[in-house]
N, C-alpha and C. Protein backbone atom coordinates (compact mmCIF):
# COMPACT_ATOMS: atom_id res chain seq x y z
N UNK A 1 -35.16 -40.23 -17.52
CA UNK A 1 -33.82 -39.20 -17.82
C UNK A 1 -34.58 -37.72 -17.64
N UNK A 2 -36.14 -37.42 -17.74
CA UNK A 2 -36.22 -36.35 -17.20
C UNK A 2 -36.14 -35.72 -15.72
N UNK A 3 -36.10 -37.02 -14.87
CA UNK A 3 -36.13 -37.31 -13.76
C UNK A 3 -34.52 -36.25 -13.17
N UNK A 4 -33.79 -36.95 -13.99
CA UNK A 4 -32.15 -36.77 -14.03
C UNK A 4 -32.19 -35.30 -14.02
N UNK A 5 -32.68 -35.01 -15.11
CA UNK A 5 -32.14 -33.35 -15.22
C UNK A 5 -33.11 -32.47 -14.75
N UNK A 6 -34.35 -32.86 -13.99
CA UNK A 6 -35.00 -31.87 -13.01
C UNK A 6 -33.92 -31.70 -11.78
N UNK A 7 -33.51 -33.11 -11.32
CA UNK A 7 -32.44 -32.87 -9.76
C UNK A 7 -31.21 -32.21 -10.25
N UNK A 8 -31.01 -32.17 -11.52
CA UNK A 8 -29.13 -31.41 -11.89
C UNK A 8 -29.86 -29.71 -11.62
N UNK A 9 -31.28 -29.38 -12.65
CA UNK A 9 -31.43 -28.14 -12.47
C UNK A 9 -32.12 -27.43 -10.60
N UNK A 10 -32.20 -28.64 -10.47
CA UNK A 10 -32.99 -28.22 -8.53
C UNK A 10 -31.09 -27.83 -7.99
N UNK A 11 -30.08 -28.30 -7.77
CA UNK A 11 -29.25 -28.40 -7.77
C UNK A 11 -27.90 -27.30 -7.97
N UNK A 12 -28.16 -27.06 -9.34
CA UNK A 12 -27.30 -26.18 -9.58
C UNK A 12 -27.89 -24.83 -9.47
N UNK A 13 -28.96 -24.39 -9.21
CA UNK A 13 -29.34 -23.07 -8.59
C UNK A 13 -28.83 -22.62 -7.27
N UNK A 14 -28.79 -23.32 -6.65
CA UNK A 14 -28.15 -23.58 -4.96
C UNK A 14 -26.98 -23.42 -5.59
N UNK A 15 -25.83 -24.04 -6.33
CA UNK A 15 -24.65 -23.98 -6.80
C UNK A 15 -24.26 -22.83 -6.90
N UNK A 16 -24.61 -22.52 -8.05
CA UNK A 16 -24.63 -21.12 -8.63
C UNK A 16 -24.57 -20.02 -7.60
N UNK A 17 -25.55 -20.25 -6.99
CA UNK A 17 -25.80 -18.88 -5.79
C UNK A 17 -24.40 -19.18 -4.73
N UNK A 18 -23.82 -20.45 -4.58
CA UNK A 18 -22.69 -20.30 -3.74
C UNK A 18 -21.65 -19.90 -4.25
N UNK A 19 -21.26 -20.20 -5.66
CA UNK A 19 -20.22 -19.67 -6.51
C UNK A 19 -20.27 -18.74 -6.68
N UNK A 20 -21.27 -17.85 -7.08
CA UNK A 20 -21.39 -16.68 -6.90
C UNK A 20 -20.95 -15.87 -5.50
N UNK A 21 -21.50 -15.99 -4.57
CA UNK A 21 -21.44 -15.56 -3.18
C UNK A 21 -19.93 -15.74 -3.00
N UNK A 22 -19.37 -16.78 -3.30
CA UNK A 22 -17.63 -17.01 -2.94
C UNK A 22 -16.87 -15.90 -3.59
N UNK A 23 -17.21 -15.89 -5.24
CA UNK A 23 -16.74 -14.70 -5.56
C UNK A 23 -16.43 -13.50 -5.59
N UNK A 24 -17.74 -13.22 -4.93
CA UNK A 24 -18.30 -11.64 -4.74
C UNK A 24 -17.33 -11.83 -3.07
N UNK A 25 -17.21 -12.50 -2.25
CA UNK A 25 -16.94 -12.86 -1.02
C UNK A 25 -14.97 -12.15 -1.41
N UNK A 26 -14.34 -12.81 -2.32
CA UNK A 26 -12.99 -12.73 -2.68
C UNK A 26 -13.12 -11.85 -3.53
N UNK A 27 -13.64 -11.43 -4.06
CA UNK A 27 -13.24 -9.67 -4.95
C UNK A 27 -13.29 -8.68 -3.63
N UNK A 28 -14.09 -8.82 -2.39
CA UNK A 28 -14.38 -7.85 -1.31
C UNK A 28 -13.09 -8.04 -1.07
N UNK A 29 -12.55 -9.24 -0.32
CA UNK A 29 -11.34 -9.34 0.37
C UNK A 29 -9.94 -8.73 -0.30
N UNK A 30 -9.86 -9.16 -1.79
CA UNK A 30 -8.86 -8.32 -2.63
C UNK A 30 -9.12 -6.89 -2.83
N UNK A 31 -10.16 -6.59 -2.65
CA UNK A 31 -10.28 -5.16 -2.75
C UNK A 31 -9.92 -4.40 -1.67
N UNK A 32 -9.84 -4.89 -0.36
CA UNK A 32 -9.23 -4.41 0.95
C UNK A 32 -8.04 -4.69 1.21
N UNK A 33 -7.13 -5.86 0.71
CA UNK A 33 -5.78 -5.86 0.55
C UNK A 33 -5.39 -4.84 -0.24
N UNK A 34 -5.85 -4.49 -1.70
CA UNK A 34 -5.32 -3.35 -2.47
C UNK A 34 -5.32 -2.20 -1.75
N UNK A 35 -6.49 -1.66 -1.09
CA UNK A 35 -6.53 -0.74 -0.32
C UNK A 35 -5.63 -0.21 0.59
N UNK A 36 -5.13 -1.29 1.37
CA UNK A 36 -4.52 -1.64 2.57
C UNK A 36 -3.05 -1.39 1.92
N UNK A 37 -2.84 -2.18 0.69
CA UNK A 37 -1.59 -2.10 0.21
C UNK A 37 -1.45 -0.87 -0.40
N UNK A 38 -2.43 0.13 -0.93
CA UNK A 38 -1.96 1.04 -0.98
C UNK A 38 -1.28 2.35 -0.01
N UNK A 39 -2.43 2.23 1.04
CA UNK A 39 -2.28 2.87 2.12
C UNK A 39 -1.00 2.79 2.87
N UNK A 40 -0.61 1.39 2.85
CA UNK A 40 0.76 1.10 2.81
C UNK A 40 2.07 2.18 2.20
N UNK A 41 1.54 1.87 0.77
CA UNK A 41 3.10 2.61 -0.16
C UNK A 41 2.95 4.25 -0.15
N UNK A 42 1.58 4.66 0.36
CA UNK A 42 1.58 6.11 0.51
C UNK A 42 2.16 6.34 1.76
N UNK A 43 2.23 6.09 2.77
CA UNK A 43 3.01 6.06 3.93
C UNK A 43 4.47 5.78 3.91
N UNK A 44 4.91 4.95 2.94
CA UNK A 44 6.04 4.64 2.64
C UNK A 44 6.80 5.79 1.87
N UNK A 45 6.25 6.14 1.26
CA UNK A 45 6.41 7.62 0.51
C UNK A 45 6.72 8.59 1.09
N UNK A 46 5.33 8.87 1.64
CA UNK A 46 5.61 9.76 3.02
C UNK A 46 6.91 10.38 3.68
N UNK A 47 6.88 9.01 4.44
CA UNK A 47 8.07 8.66 5.47
C UNK A 47 9.43 8.80 4.19
N UNK A 48 9.59 8.83 2.78
CA UNK A 48 10.94 8.66 2.05
C UNK A 48 10.89 10.31 1.90
N UNK A 49 9.80 10.91 2.05
CA UNK A 49 10.07 12.09 1.60
C UNK A 49 10.44 13.23 2.76
N UNK A 50 9.75 12.90 3.78
CA UNK A 50 10.51 13.39 5.55
C UNK A 50 11.75 12.73 5.61
N UNK A 51 12.20 11.89 5.58
CA UNK A 51 13.40 11.48 5.92
C UNK A 51 14.64 11.90 4.75
N UNK A 52 14.21 12.42 3.45
CA UNK A 52 15.13 13.22 2.53
C UNK A 52 15.19 14.67 2.72
N UNK A 53 14.03 15.40 3.39
CA UNK A 53 14.38 17.00 3.70
C UNK A 53 14.68 16.76 4.70
N UNK A 54 14.47 16.05 6.13
CA UNK A 54 15.63 16.04 7.60
C UNK A 54 16.98 15.68 7.08
N UNK A 55 17.21 14.91 6.12
CA UNK A 55 18.84 14.96 5.10
C UNK A 55 19.17 15.75 4.50
N UNK A 56 18.50 16.31 3.83
CA UNK A 56 18.77 17.52 3.21
C UNK A 56 19.41 18.71 4.34
N UNK A 57 18.32 18.94 5.05
CA UNK A 57 18.30 19.94 6.14
C UNK A 57 19.63 19.96 7.44
N UNK A 58 20.09 18.55 7.29
CA UNK A 58 21.31 17.65 8.18
C UNK A 58 22.43 18.45 7.05
N UNK A 59 22.22 18.31 5.89
CA UNK A 59 23.45 18.28 4.85
C UNK A 59 23.63 20.02 5.07
N UNK A 60 22.51 20.76 5.10
CA UNK A 60 22.84 22.69 5.01
C UNK A 60 23.34 22.50 6.30
N UNK A 61 23.05 22.08 7.53
CA UNK A 61 23.08 22.89 8.73
C UNK A 61 24.83 22.35 8.60
N UNK A 62 25.32 21.60 8.19
CA UNK A 62 27.14 20.52 8.02
C UNK A 62 27.57 21.82 7.49
N UNK A 63 27.29 22.25 6.28
CA UNK A 63 27.64 22.84 5.31
C UNK A 63 28.01 24.57 6.27
N UNK A 64 26.35 24.74 6.91
CA UNK A 64 26.88 26.28 7.27
C UNK A 64 27.96 25.78 8.94
N UNK A 65 28.03 24.54 9.51
CA UNK A 65 28.77 24.80 10.60
C UNK A 65 30.29 24.63 10.16
N UNK A 66 30.99 24.20 8.81
CA UNK A 66 32.05 24.20 8.18
C UNK A 66 31.97 25.41 7.59
N UNK A 67 31.17 26.29 6.99
CA UNK A 67 31.67 27.53 7.02
C UNK A 67 32.30 28.40 7.69
N UNK A 68 31.27 28.38 8.93
CA UNK A 68 31.39 28.96 10.31
C UNK A 68 33.02 28.80 10.95
N UNK A 69 33.25 27.31 10.42
CA UNK A 69 34.49 26.99 11.32
C UNK A 69 36.06 27.39 9.95
N UNK A 70 35.62 27.69 8.96
CA UNK A 70 36.69 27.87 7.86
C UNK A 70 36.93 29.23 8.14
N UNK A 71 35.50 30.11 8.33
CA UNK A 71 35.66 31.49 8.85
C UNK A 71 36.54 31.70 9.90
N UNK A 72 36.06 31.24 11.17
CA UNK A 72 36.99 31.29 12.41
C UNK A 72 38.09 30.95 12.54
N UNK A 73 38.41 30.38 11.59
CA UNK A 73 39.96 30.01 11.35
C UNK A 73 40.90 30.91 10.61
N UNK A 74 40.31 31.47 9.59
CA UNK A 74 40.55 32.57 8.78
C UNK A 74 41.24 33.87 9.66
N UNK A 75 39.82 34.08 10.87
CA UNK A 75 40.11 35.05 11.59
C UNK A 75 41.50 35.30 12.99
N UNK A 76 41.32 33.98 12.78
CA UNK A 76 43.02 33.60 13.96
C UNK A 76 44.11 33.61 13.27
């Protein structure tokens, strides 16, 4: 019985180390994945802001062109 307990104790230490190492590796990979996702979301948001600003400028330009056309039509 004592021999069985000794064998279990001897093999449990490396198994605990392997499990701990595996969990640490998983945590590091999850952290890298989350950082990558955050960077992607930041880039998506930046792209959205740029596109929105571009569309706003295009709309203003269209309004100015329409106003110019109306003004030209009134002068004729």
